[in-house]
Amino acid sequence: MRFVRKFSSKPKYGINHLQRLLFVVWDYILTYLHHLEPYIFHLFFGHAAESQIPTLLLVLAPALCFPMLEFFPQLFRHDQFDIVATPSEDVFRQNLTTFYKENLGIYPYYDPENTAVNGGLPQSVNLSQHLEKMSENIDTYIPDPKAKGLTVIDWREWHPLWGRNGHGKDRYRNKSRELVARKNTMLTQEQVNNAAQEEFELAAREFMLGTLRQGKNLRPNKLWGYYLYPDCYNYDYSGKLETYTGRCSDVEIKRNDQLNWMWNESTALFPEIYLEKELRSTDQARLFVLNRVKEAMRAASVGDGLTRPVFVYSQPTHKYGMTILSKEDLVNTIGESVALGVAGVIYFGGKYYATSVRSGCTALNNFFRETMGRYLLNVTTAAKECSQKLCKFNGRCLRRKPDRAVFLHLNPSTHKIISQKGKLKVRGSPGQAELKAFRQHFKCQCYNGTKGEDCNSATSVLGMWPLCFVLQLGLLSLFH
């Protein structure tokens, strides 16, 4: 596993001395990772029956925290994380690659000044030129044709469904109408609108489908999907938490059905479960996450063949700020997602981590070392034990009744989490009460090649995606 950084002469944050220090520390991390390569890839892509480890933990490092050396050793040598990486656009050969509008093909959009970039609209871009440029980008960022891992396409300027381009995305509907009106001056306003919607949605679909197909064709061992898809827009809790149910509206479920072409072509789904501060430590936070994950799992099972793995994006703080999640919030995000059967949780931090490097990184350090670290170890150990006892390591445990608030947690009477030489460890084994609870509240979702209540029988019927042979739960932390 070789990581390559492309150095840019253009400073990104206006602080060259900080960049230089980041590069030095990053090189140290890459050297450290190089020695872990066989172990990492065995965990990530080995067979569960061989490795007996259904849990994969990865951390995508917060680059701005690298200079804080008191933070770095504790987080990146944490025994719960198996892979360290970064979402930076100039770091290559990673197990999780994130593409943005600037570095994958020729993505059409309008900039903040309303200037068209690459044609501005999906119906104005040359798809062949896009795919040709995309091939060059993939060769640069993922040079190994046999590379494995996850590839996330983070395109957020417009949505492929006309009805979801409201608010700040209105310009794409307006520009589409202008385009039709210029070509067909005799059309009525209604005809212009209908034609504009048809042209936009058809072009958007072909553009996004072509991108997925090209990616899968060039790097078939990677899992490909779009960031923030699917969404169910269940944000209607503001000011009315008492009556909030978290349910995805019928309108949004129907719209997601219109995206079946995307679910069928994707090989992984990447929704988000970020919590706003209004949901802090409330049961409504659980309802918010529950329904978003359920909708993602529904989309993941669309069509014939393998069920696609779902990786939910979360973050260690509340949305739009640096308030660390409470213990209840961890249960309502990580615990809820794991109990519903997601393949992984990707931790992502945005611009707020860059605004206050020292205070932000110190808070995150304490959070990962104590509250977060202990909870991750609790959940992943319980998930492993349930997989072992119920599914013979050939499947993952998920709730029998998705809406019921039961979790994969260790029983404190049989397990203890201790700190030993700076590392958290679990002591204990599941007792009869835990095994009974596993069987009562959870069932097995068998991996490809197995079937039965305990996943102990061979089958030729396709089951979960092959990555999930070893992936009971993948926890990734992704920071800008």
Protein backbone atom coordinates (compact mmCIF):
# COMPACT_ATOMS: atom_id res chain seq x y z
CA MET A 1 0.00 0.00 0.00
CA ARG A 2 1.78 3.12 -1.20
CA PHE A 3 0.36 6.56 -0.59
CA VAL A 4 1.47 9.42 -2.81
CA ARG A 5 0.97 13.10 -2.05
CA LYS A 6 1.04 15.61 -4.87
CA PHE A 7 2.53 18.83 -3.53
CA SER A 8 0.96 22.05 -4.68
CA SER A 9 2.77 25.37 -4.81
CA LYS A 10 -0.49 27.15 -4.04
CA PRO A 11 -1.09 27.39 -0.27
CA LYS A 12 -4.56 26.28 0.75
CA TYR A 13 -4.95 27.97 4.10
CA GLY A 14 -2.47 30.80 3.69
CA ILE A 15 -0.08 29.20 6.19
CA ASN A 16 2.84 27.54 4.43
CA HIS A 17 4.66 26.68 7.68
CA LEU A 18 1.64 24.70 8.88
CA GLN A 19 1.40 22.86 5.58
CA ARG A 20 5.05 21.85 5.77
CA LEU A 21 4.54 20.45 9.25
CA LEU A 22 1.44 18.57 8.14
CA PHE A 23 3.37 16.95 5.29
CA VAL A 24 6.14 15.80 7.66
CA VAL A 25 3.72 14.22 10.11
CA TRP A 26 1.68 12.71 7.28
CA ASP A 27 4.79 11.01 5.89
CA TYR A 28 5.33 9.50 9.34
CA ILE A 29 1.79 8.13 9.32
CA LEU A 30 2.21 6.60 5.86
CA THR A 31 5.39 4.85 7.00
CA TYR A 32 3.51 3.51 10.01
CA LEU A 33 0.69 2.28 7.76
CA HIS A 34 3.08 0.57 5.37
CA HIS A 35 4.05 -1.90 8.10
CA LEU A 36 0.38 -2.65 8.76
CA GLU A 37 -0.43 -3.41 5.12
CA PRO A 38 -0.84 -7.21 5.28
CA TYR A 39 -2.94 -6.99 8.45
CA ILE A 40 -5.12 -4.18 7.09
CA PHE A 41 -5.89 -5.86 3.80
CA HIS A 42 -6.56 -9.19 5.48
CA LEU A 43 -9.13 -7.46 7.67
CA PHE A 44 -10.63 -5.43 4.87
CA PHE A 45 -10.92 -8.09 2.21
CA GLY A 46 -10.20 -11.44 3.85
CA HIS A 47 -12.84 -14.07 4.49
CA ALA A 48 -14.66 -13.91 7.80
CA ALA A 49 -14.40 -17.66 8.24
CA GLU A 50 -10.63 -17.32 8.03
CA SER A 51 -10.06 -14.10 9.94
CA GLN A 52 -12.76 -14.52 12.60
CA ILE A 53 -12.88 -10.72 12.69
CA PRO A 54 -16.19 -9.31 11.43
CA THR A 55 -15.36 -5.76 12.53
CA LEU A 56 -13.25 -3.27 10.62
CA LEU A 57 -12.31 0.09 12.11
CA LEU A 58 -10.74 2.82 10.00
CA VAL A 59 -9.85 6.42 10.77
CA LEU A 60 -9.46 9.02 8.03
CA ALA A 61 -7.21 11.45 9.78
CA PRO A 62 -8.05 15.08 10.61
CA ALA A 63 -5.15 16.74 8.80
CA LEU A 64 -5.34 20.00 10.73
CA CYS A 65 -4.84 18.07 13.97
CA PHE A 66 -1.53 16.55 12.86
CA PRO A 67 0.65 19.33 14.34
CA MET A 68 -0.72 18.61 17.81
CA LEU A 69 1.60 15.75 18.64
CA GLU A 70 -0.09 15.10 21.96
CA PHE A 71 -3.24 14.36 19.94
CA PHE A 72 -1.69 12.33 17.16
CA PRO A 73 -0.23 9.29 18.99
CA GLN A 74 -3.33 8.69 21.08
CA LEU A 75 -5.74 8.79 18.17
CA PHE A 76 -3.82 7.17 15.36
CA ARG A 77 -2.30 4.38 17.44
CA HIS A 78 -5.63 3.58 18.99
CA ASP A 79 -6.08 -0.18 18.78
CA GLN A 80 -9.63 0.26 17.51
CA PHE A 81 -8.58 1.77 14.19
CA ASP A 82 -7.02 -0.37 11.47
CA ILE A 83 -6.62 2.13 8.62
CA VAL A 84 -5.67 5.80 8.67
CA ALA A 85 -6.30 8.03 5.65
CA THR A 86 -7.40 11.53 4.69
CA PRO A 87 -10.02 13.01 2.32
CA SER A 88 -7.54 15.53 0.93
CA GLU A 89 -7.70 15.92 -2.84
CA ASP A 90 -3.93 15.57 -3.23
CA VAL A 91 -3.42 12.24 -1.46
CA PHE A 92 -3.62 9.17 -3.66
CA ARG A 93 -3.82 5.35 -3.35
CA GLN A 94 -6.21 5.20 -0.40
CA ASN A 95 -8.73 2.57 0.66
CA LEU A 96 -11.43 5.24 0.75
CA THR A 97 -11.23 7.67 -2.14
CA THR A 98 -13.47 10.74 -2.26
CA PHE A 99 -13.97 12.52 -5.56
CA TYR A 100 -15.27 16.10 -5.77
CA LYS A 101 -16.56 18.29 -8.58
CA GLU A 102 -13.05 19.57 -9.29
CA ASN A 103 -11.25 16.25 -9.69
CA LEU A 104 -13.58 13.78 -11.40
CA GLY A 105 -14.35 14.35 -15.06
CA ILE A 106 -15.98 17.60 -16.16
CA TYR A 107 -18.86 18.07 -13.73
CA PRO A 108 -21.28 20.83 -14.87
CA TYR A 109 -22.42 23.42 -12.33
CA TYR A 110 -22.85 27.14 -11.67
CA ASP A 111 -20.44 28.90 -9.34
CA PRO A 112 -21.57 31.41 -6.66
CA GLU A 113 -21.38 34.22 -9.24
CA ASN A 114 -23.84 32.26 -11.42
CA THR A 115 -21.16 31.56 -14.02
CA ALA A 116 -21.48 28.27 -15.86
CA VAL A 117 -18.66 25.78 -15.27
CA ASN A 118 -18.37 22.93 -17.79
CA GLY A 119 -21.62 24.04 -19.40
CA GLY A 120 -23.45 24.56 -16.12
CA LEU A 121 -26.16 21.96 -16.78
CA PRO A 122 -25.98 18.18 -17.26
CA GLN A 123 -27.75 18.59 -20.62
CA SER A 124 -25.02 21.00 -21.75
CA VAL A 125 -21.98 18.82 -21.03
CA ASN A 126 -20.33 16.39 -23.43
CA LEU A 127 -20.63 12.99 -21.74
CA SER A 128 -17.86 11.42 -23.82
CA GLN A 129 -15.43 14.17 -22.84
CA HIS A 130 -16.47 13.78 -19.21
CA LEU A 131 -15.81 10.04 -19.23
CA GLU A 132 -12.47 10.52 -20.97
CA LYS A 133 -11.35 13.06 -18.37
CA MET A 134 -12.72 10.83 -15.61
CA SER A 135 -10.50 7.99 -16.80
CA GLU A 136 -7.45 10.24 -16.46
CA ASN A 137 -8.51 11.28 -12.94
CA ILE A 138 -9.02 7.69 -11.84
CA ASP A 139 -5.61 6.69 -13.17
CA THR A 140 -4.15 9.51 -11.08
CA TYR A 141 -6.00 8.95 -7.80
CA ILE A 142 -6.46 5.17 -8.01
CA PRO A 143 -3.55 4.01 -10.18
CA ASP A 144 -3.88 0.31 -9.32
CA PRO A 145 -6.54 -1.31 -11.58
CA LYS A 146 -7.06 -3.98 -8.91
CA ALA A 147 -7.45 -1.51 -6.03
CA LYS A 148 -10.04 -2.37 -3.40
CA GLY A 149 -12.02 -0.28 -0.95
CA LEU A 150 -14.64 2.45 -1.15
CA THR A 151 -15.03 5.27 -3.67
CA VAL A 152 -17.41 8.10 -2.79
CA ILE A 153 -18.48 10.70 -5.36
CA ASP A 154 -19.29 13.94 -3.54
CA TRP A 155 -21.34 16.00 -6.00
CA ARG A 156 -23.83 18.35 -4.35
CA GLU A 157 -24.42 21.27 -6.72
CA TRP A 158 -27.62 19.82 -8.21
CA HIS A 159 -29.88 16.82 -7.69
CA PRO A 160 -30.88 14.49 -10.57
CA LEU A 161 -34.58 14.86 -9.64
CA TRP A 162 -36.20 18.11 -10.73
CA GLY A 163 -38.34 18.35 -7.61
CA ARG A 164 -35.33 18.29 -5.30
CA ASN A 165 -33.66 21.31 -6.89
CA GLY A 166 -35.40 23.91 -4.77
CA HIS A 167 -34.00 26.68 -2.58
CA GLY A 168 -30.36 27.33 -3.54
CA LYS A 169 -30.56 24.90 -6.46
CA ASP A 170 -33.38 26.78 -8.23
CA ARG A 171 -30.91 28.14 -10.76
CA TYR A 172 -30.66 24.72 -12.40
CA ARG A 173 -34.40 24.67 -13.07
CA ASN A 174 -34.39 28.29 -14.25
CA LYS A 175 -31.40 27.78 -16.54
CA SER A 176 -32.99 24.61 -17.95
CA ARG A 177 -36.16 26.56 -18.76
CA GLU A 178 -34.11 29.30 -20.43
CA LEU A 179 -32.32 26.69 -22.52
CA VAL A 180 -35.60 25.19 -23.76
CA ALA A 181 -37.20 28.59 -24.39
CA ARG A 182 -34.26 29.72 -26.53
CA LYS A 183 -34.53 26.63 -28.70
CA ASN A 184 -38.34 26.60 -28.91
CA THR A 185 -39.76 30.13 -28.92
CA MET A 186 -43.33 29.00 -29.70
CA LEU A 187 -43.81 26.88 -26.57
CA THR A 188 -46.12 27.90 -23.74
CA GLN A 189 -44.73 28.36 -20.24
CA GLU A 190 -46.14 24.99 -19.18
CA GLN A 191 -44.62 23.28 -22.20
CA VAL A 192 -41.28 24.93 -21.50
CA ASN A 193 -41.35 23.74 -17.91
CA ASN A 194 -42.29 20.18 -18.84
CA ALA A 195 -39.65 19.97 -21.56
CA ALA A 196 -37.01 21.49 -19.28
CA GLN A 197 -37.75 18.95 -16.55
CA GLU A 198 -37.64 16.06 -19.00
CA GLU A 199 -34.37 17.18 -20.56
CA PHE A 200 -32.72 17.91 -17.23
CA GLU A 201 -33.68 14.64 -15.54
CA LEU A 202 -32.74 12.53 -18.56
CA ALA A 203 -29.34 14.21 -18.90
CA ALA A 204 -28.69 14.08 -15.14
CA ARG A 205 -29.54 10.39 -15.06
CA GLU A 206 -27.28 9.56 -17.99
CA PHE A 207 -24.46 11.65 -16.55
CA MET A 208 -24.57 10.02 -13.11
CA LEU A 209 -25.16 6.52 -14.49
CA GLY A 210 -22.33 6.90 -16.97
CA THR A 211 -20.03 8.01 -14.17
CA LEU A 212 -20.85 4.98 -12.02
CA ARG A 213 -20.46 2.57 -14.93
CA GLN A 214 -17.15 4.08 -15.94
CA GLY A 215 -15.85 3.86 -12.39
CA LYS A 216 -16.93 0.25 -11.97
CA ASN A 217 -15.51 -0.67 -15.35
CA LEU A 218 -12.10 0.88 -14.63
CA ARG A 219 -11.85 -0.13 -10.94
CA PRO A 220 -14.21 -3.12 -10.55
CA ASN A 221 -12.93 -4.10 -7.10
CA LYS A 222 -13.91 -0.74 -5.63
CA LEU A 223 -17.38 -0.09 -4.20
CA TRP A 224 -18.88 2.99 -5.88
CA GLY A 225 -21.65 5.31 -4.73
CA TYR A 226 -22.74 8.92 -4.29
CA TYR A 227 -22.36 10.87 -1.05
CA LEU A 228 -25.69 11.74 0.66
CA TYR A 229 -27.69 9.20 -1.33
CA PRO A 230 -30.31 8.23 -0.40
CA ASP A 231 -31.95 10.98 1.63
CA CYS A 232 -35.49 11.07 2.99
CA TYR A 233 -35.58 14.75 4.04
CA ASN A 234 -37.09 14.06 7.48
CA TYR A 235 -35.94 17.41 8.88
CA ASP A 236 -39.38 18.56 10.03
CA TYR A 237 -38.55 18.55 13.76
CA SER A 238 -37.70 22.21 14.28
CA GLY A 239 -39.97 23.66 16.95
CA LYS A 240 -42.15 20.55 17.16
CA LEU A 241 -40.08 17.79 18.72
CA GLU A 242 -43.00 16.49 20.78
CA THR A 243 -44.93 15.39 17.69
CA TYR A 244 -41.92 14.45 15.55
CA THR A 245 -42.01 10.84 14.28
CA GLY A 246 -38.94 10.87 12.03
CA ARG A 247 -40.87 9.15 9.25
CA CYS A 248 -39.87 9.76 5.66
CA SER A 249 -42.80 11.35 3.84
CA ASP A 250 -44.64 9.44 1.12
CA VAL A 251 -43.52 12.08 -1.38
CA GLU A 252 -39.84 11.53 -0.61
CA ILE A 253 -40.18 7.75 -0.64
CA LYS A 254 -41.74 7.98 -4.11
CA ARG A 255 -38.92 10.25 -5.22
CA ASN A 256 -36.39 7.72 -3.98
CA ASP A 257 -38.25 5.10 -6.01
CA GLN A 258 -37.60 7.29 -9.05
CA LEU A 259 -33.89 6.84 -8.28
CA ASN A 260 -34.00 3.05 -8.54
CA TRP A 261 -31.68 3.40 -11.52
CA MET A 262 -29.06 4.82 -9.15
CA TRP A 263 -29.52 2.18 -6.46
CA ASN A 264 -29.26 -0.58 -9.07
CA GLU A 265 -26.04 0.81 -10.50
CA SER A 266 -24.37 1.70 -7.19
CA THR A 267 -22.31 -0.87 -5.33
CA ALA A 268 -22.54 0.98 -1.99
CA LEU A 269 -24.81 3.67 -0.54
CA PHE A 270 -23.61 6.64 1.54
CA PRO A 271 -26.44 8.48 3.38
CA GLU A 272 -25.80 10.86 6.28
CA ILE A 273 -27.11 10.96 9.85
CA TYR A 274 -25.72 14.28 11.12
CA LEU A 275 -27.51 15.56 14.22
CA GLU A 276 -28.42 19.20 14.72
CA LYS A 277 -28.09 20.52 18.26
CA GLU A 278 -31.87 20.65 18.66
CA LEU A 279 -31.88 16.84 18.65
CA ARG A 280 -29.20 16.54 21.33
CA SER A 281 -29.85 13.70 23.81
CA THR A 282 -33.45 13.20 22.66
CA ASP A 283 -35.35 10.11 21.57
CA GLN A 284 -36.28 12.11 18.47
CA ALA A 285 -32.63 11.85 17.43
CA ARG A 286 -33.03 8.07 17.39
CA LEU A 287 -36.21 8.39 15.31
CA PHE A 288 -34.38 10.70 12.89
CA VAL A 289 -31.55 8.19 12.39
CA LEU A 290 -33.82 5.14 12.45
CA ASN A 291 -35.92 6.26 9.51
CA ARG A 292 -32.99 7.52 7.45
CA VAL A 293 -31.13 4.24 7.83
CA LYS A 294 -34.28 2.18 7.17
CA GLU A 295 -34.82 4.08 3.93
CA ALA A 296 -31.20 3.53 2.93
CA MET A 297 -31.49 -0.19 3.67
CA ARG A 298 -34.65 -0.30 1.57
CA ALA A 299 -32.86 1.34 -1.35
CA ALA A 300 -29.92 -1.02 -0.88
CA SER A 301 -32.14 -4.03 -1.53
CA VAL A 302 -33.67 -2.70 -4.77
CA GLY A 303 -33.38 -5.00 -7.77
CA ASP A 304 -32.05 -8.50 -8.14
CA GLY A 305 -28.72 -9.78 -6.91
CA LEU A 306 -26.60 -8.65 -4.01
CA THR A 307 -27.84 -6.31 -1.30
CA ARG A 308 -25.57 -3.27 -1.35
CA PRO A 309 -23.67 -2.30 1.81
CA VAL A 310 -24.74 0.95 3.47
CA PHE A 311 -22.12 3.25 5.01
CA VAL A 312 -23.65 6.11 6.99
CA TYR A 313 -21.84 9.44 7.33
CA SER A 314 -21.82 10.85 10.84
CA GLN A 315 -19.62 13.25 12.80
CA PRO A 316 -18.41 13.51 16.41
CA THR A 317 -20.05 16.91 16.87
CA HIS A 318 -23.45 18.37 16.23
CA LYS A 319 -24.10 19.84 12.80
CA TYR A 320 -22.94 23.43 12.20
CA GLY A 321 -20.74 23.60 15.28
CA MET A 322 -18.19 22.04 17.61
CA THR A 323 -20.48 20.72 20.36
CA ILE A 324 -19.35 17.15 21.04
CA LEU A 325 -22.03 14.46 20.87
CA SER A 326 -23.38 13.20 24.19
CA LYS A 327 -23.36 9.53 25.21
CA GLU A 328 -27.04 9.37 24.27
CA ASP A 329 -26.20 10.81 20.86
CA LEU A 330 -23.64 8.06 20.29
CA VAL A 331 -26.29 5.44 21.01
CA ASN A 332 -28.75 7.24 18.74
CA THR A 333 -26.28 7.39 15.84
CA ILE A 334 -23.71 4.58 16.00
CA GLY A 335 -25.78 2.22 18.14
CA GLU A 336 -28.92 2.70 16.07
CA SER A 337 -27.08 2.25 12.77
CA VAL A 338 -25.25 -0.89 13.87
CA ALA A 339 -28.44 -2.48 15.19
CA LEU A 340 -30.11 -1.85 11.82
CA GLY A 341 -27.34 -3.61 9.93
CA VAL A 342 -25.21 -0.91 8.30
CA ALA A 343 -21.83 -1.95 6.95
CA GLY A 344 -20.02 1.07 8.34
CA VAL A 345 -20.05 4.49 9.95
CA ILE A 346 -17.90 7.15 8.30
CA TYR A 347 -16.99 10.04 10.60
CA PHE A 348 -16.70 13.28 8.70
CA GLY A 349 -15.68 16.72 9.98
CA GLY A 350 -16.10 19.92 8.00
CA LYS A 351 -14.97 23.53 8.10
CA TYR A 352 -15.65 23.94 11.83
CA TYR A 353 -12.64 21.77 12.67
CA ALA A 354 -10.40 24.10 10.68
CA THR A 355 -11.54 27.28 12.40
CA SER A 356 -10.06 26.42 15.80
CA VAL A 357 -7.33 23.85 15.41
CA ARG A 358 -6.05 23.68 18.98
CA SER A 359 -9.37 23.73 20.87
CA GLY A 360 -11.11 21.56 18.29
CA CYS A 361 -8.41 18.89 18.18
CA THR A 362 -8.05 18.83 21.96
CA ALA A 363 -11.78 18.26 22.38
CA LEU A 364 -11.76 15.55 19.72
CA ASN A 365 -8.74 13.91 21.33
CA ASN A 366 -10.51 13.60 24.67
CA PHE A 367 -13.69 12.44 22.98
CA PHE A 368 -11.97 9.68 20.99
CA ARG A 369 -9.86 8.51 23.92
CA GLU A 370 -12.68 8.27 26.44
CA THR A 371 -16.38 8.56 25.62
CA MET A 372 -16.16 7.72 21.94
CA GLY A 373 -13.43 5.14 22.28
CA ARG A 374 -15.22 3.20 24.99
CA TYR A 375 -18.50 3.22 23.11
CA LEU A 376 -16.92 2.11 19.84
CA LEU A 377 -15.24 -0.77 21.61
CA ASN A 378 -18.49 -1.69 23.36
CA VAL A 379 -20.57 -1.77 20.17
CA THR A 380 -18.03 -3.45 17.93
CA THR A 381 -17.26 -6.15 20.49
CA ALA A 382 -20.97 -6.84 20.97
CA ALA A 383 -21.46 -6.97 17.19
CA LYS A 384 -18.59 -9.44 16.89
CA GLU A 385 -19.94 -11.63 19.70
CA CYS A 386 -23.42 -11.64 18.20
CA SER A 387 -22.01 -12.53 14.77
CA GLN A 388 -20.01 -15.36 16.31
CA LYS A 389 -22.79 -16.80 18.47
CA LEU A 390 -25.76 -16.34 16.14
CA CYS A 391 -24.26 -16.35 12.65
CA LYS A 392 -21.05 -18.41 12.97
CA PHE A 393 -19.17 -15.35 11.68
CA ASN A 394 -20.95 -15.83 8.34
CA GLY A 395 -23.33 -12.90 8.78
CA ARG A 396 -24.10 -9.76 10.76
CA CYS A 397 -26.76 -9.30 13.42
CA LEU A 398 -29.62 -6.89 12.84
CA ARG A 399 -32.88 -6.24 14.63
CA ARG A 400 -35.78 -8.59 14.18
CA LYS A 401 -38.09 -5.59 14.60
CA PRO A 402 -36.32 -2.52 13.13
CA ASP A 403 -38.31 0.06 15.10
CA ARG A 404 -37.64 -1.47 18.52
CA ALA A 405 -35.01 0.37 20.59
CA VAL A 406 -32.72 -2.58 21.31
CA PHE A 407 -28.98 -2.33 20.75
CA LEU A 408 -25.86 -4.43 20.38
CA HIS A 409 -24.31 -3.46 23.71
CA LEU A 410 -22.15 -5.43 26.13
CA ASN A 411 -23.71 -6.51 29.41
CA PRO A 412 -21.85 -4.65 32.20
CA SER A 413 -22.30 -7.64 34.50
CA THR A 414 -20.22 -9.87 32.20
CA HIS A 415 -17.88 -7.39 30.49
CA LYS A 416 -15.55 -4.62 31.58
CA ILE A 417 -13.73 -2.07 29.45
CA ILE A 418 -10.34 -1.25 30.90
CA SER A 419 -7.43 0.97 29.94
CA GLN A 420 -4.12 -0.86 29.69
CA LYS A 421 -0.96 0.97 28.67
CA GLY A 422 -3.01 3.67 27.00
CA LYS A 423 -5.22 1.23 25.08
CA LEU A 424 -8.81 0.27 25.76
CA LYS A 425 -9.54 -3.44 26.05
CA VAL A 426 -12.56 -5.60 26.84
CA ARG A 427 -12.51 -8.30 29.47
CA GLY A 428 -15.28 -10.85 29.76
CA SER A 429 -17.45 -13.09 27.62
CA PRO A 430 -21.18 -13.23 26.92
CA GLY A 431 -23.28 -15.03 29.49
CA GLN A 432 -26.53 -16.90 28.99
CA ALA A 433 -28.58 -13.74 29.49
CA GLU A 434 -26.72 -11.99 26.65
CA LEU A 435 -27.06 -14.97 24.33
CA LYS A 436 -30.77 -15.08 25.06
CA ALA A 437 -31.08 -11.36 24.32
CA PHE A 438 -29.17 -11.79 21.05
CA ARG A 439 -31.55 -14.53 19.91
CA GLN A 440 -34.65 -12.70 21.10
CA HIS A 441 -33.97 -9.33 19.50
CA PHE A 442 -31.61 -10.00 16.59
CA LYS A 443 -31.39 -12.17 13.50
CA CYS A 444 -28.65 -12.94 11.00
CA GLN A 445 -28.19 -11.29 7.65
CA CYS A 446 -26.04 -13.87 5.92
CA TYR A 447 -23.08 -13.00 3.75
CA ASN A 448 -22.80 -14.19 0.18
CA GLY A 449 -22.58 -17.98 -0.07
CA THR A 450 -24.38 -18.87 3.17
CA LYS A 451 -27.99 -19.21 4.30
CA GLY A 452 -30.11 -20.41 7.19
CA GLU A 453 -31.03 -18.97 10.56
CA ASP A 454 -27.40 -19.22 11.69
CA CYS A 455 -25.81 -18.75 8.22
CA ASN A 456 -24.27 -22.20 8.54
CA SER A 457 -25.50 -23.67 5.26
CA ALA A 458 -23.97 -23.15 1.84
CA THR A 459 -26.04 -21.62 -0.94
CA SER A 460 -25.57 -20.43 -4.50
CA VAL A 461 -28.11 -17.65 -3.96
CA LEU A 462 -26.58 -14.19 -3.80
CA GLY A 463 -26.69 -12.54 -0.38
CA MET A 464 -24.79 -9.58 1.00
CA TRP A 465 -22.08 -7.83 -1.06
CA PRO A 466 -18.72 -9.71 -0.89
CA LEU A 467 -17.06 -6.87 1.08
CA CYS A 468 -19.34 -7.80 3.93
CA PHE A 469 -17.64 -11.16 4.29
CA VAL A 470 -15.56 -9.45 6.94
CA LEU A 471 -17.45 -6.27 7.58
CA GLN A 472 -19.78 -6.52 10.53
CA LEU A 473 -19.26 -2.85 11.11
CA GLY A 474 -16.77 -0.50 9.52
CA LEU A 475 -16.07 2.69 11.43
CA LEU A 476 -14.26 5.34 9.45
CA SER A 477 -13.43 8.83 10.59
CA LEU A 478 -13.17 11.42 7.84
CA PHE A 479 -12.15 14.99 8.59
CA HIS A 480 -11.31 18.04 6.51
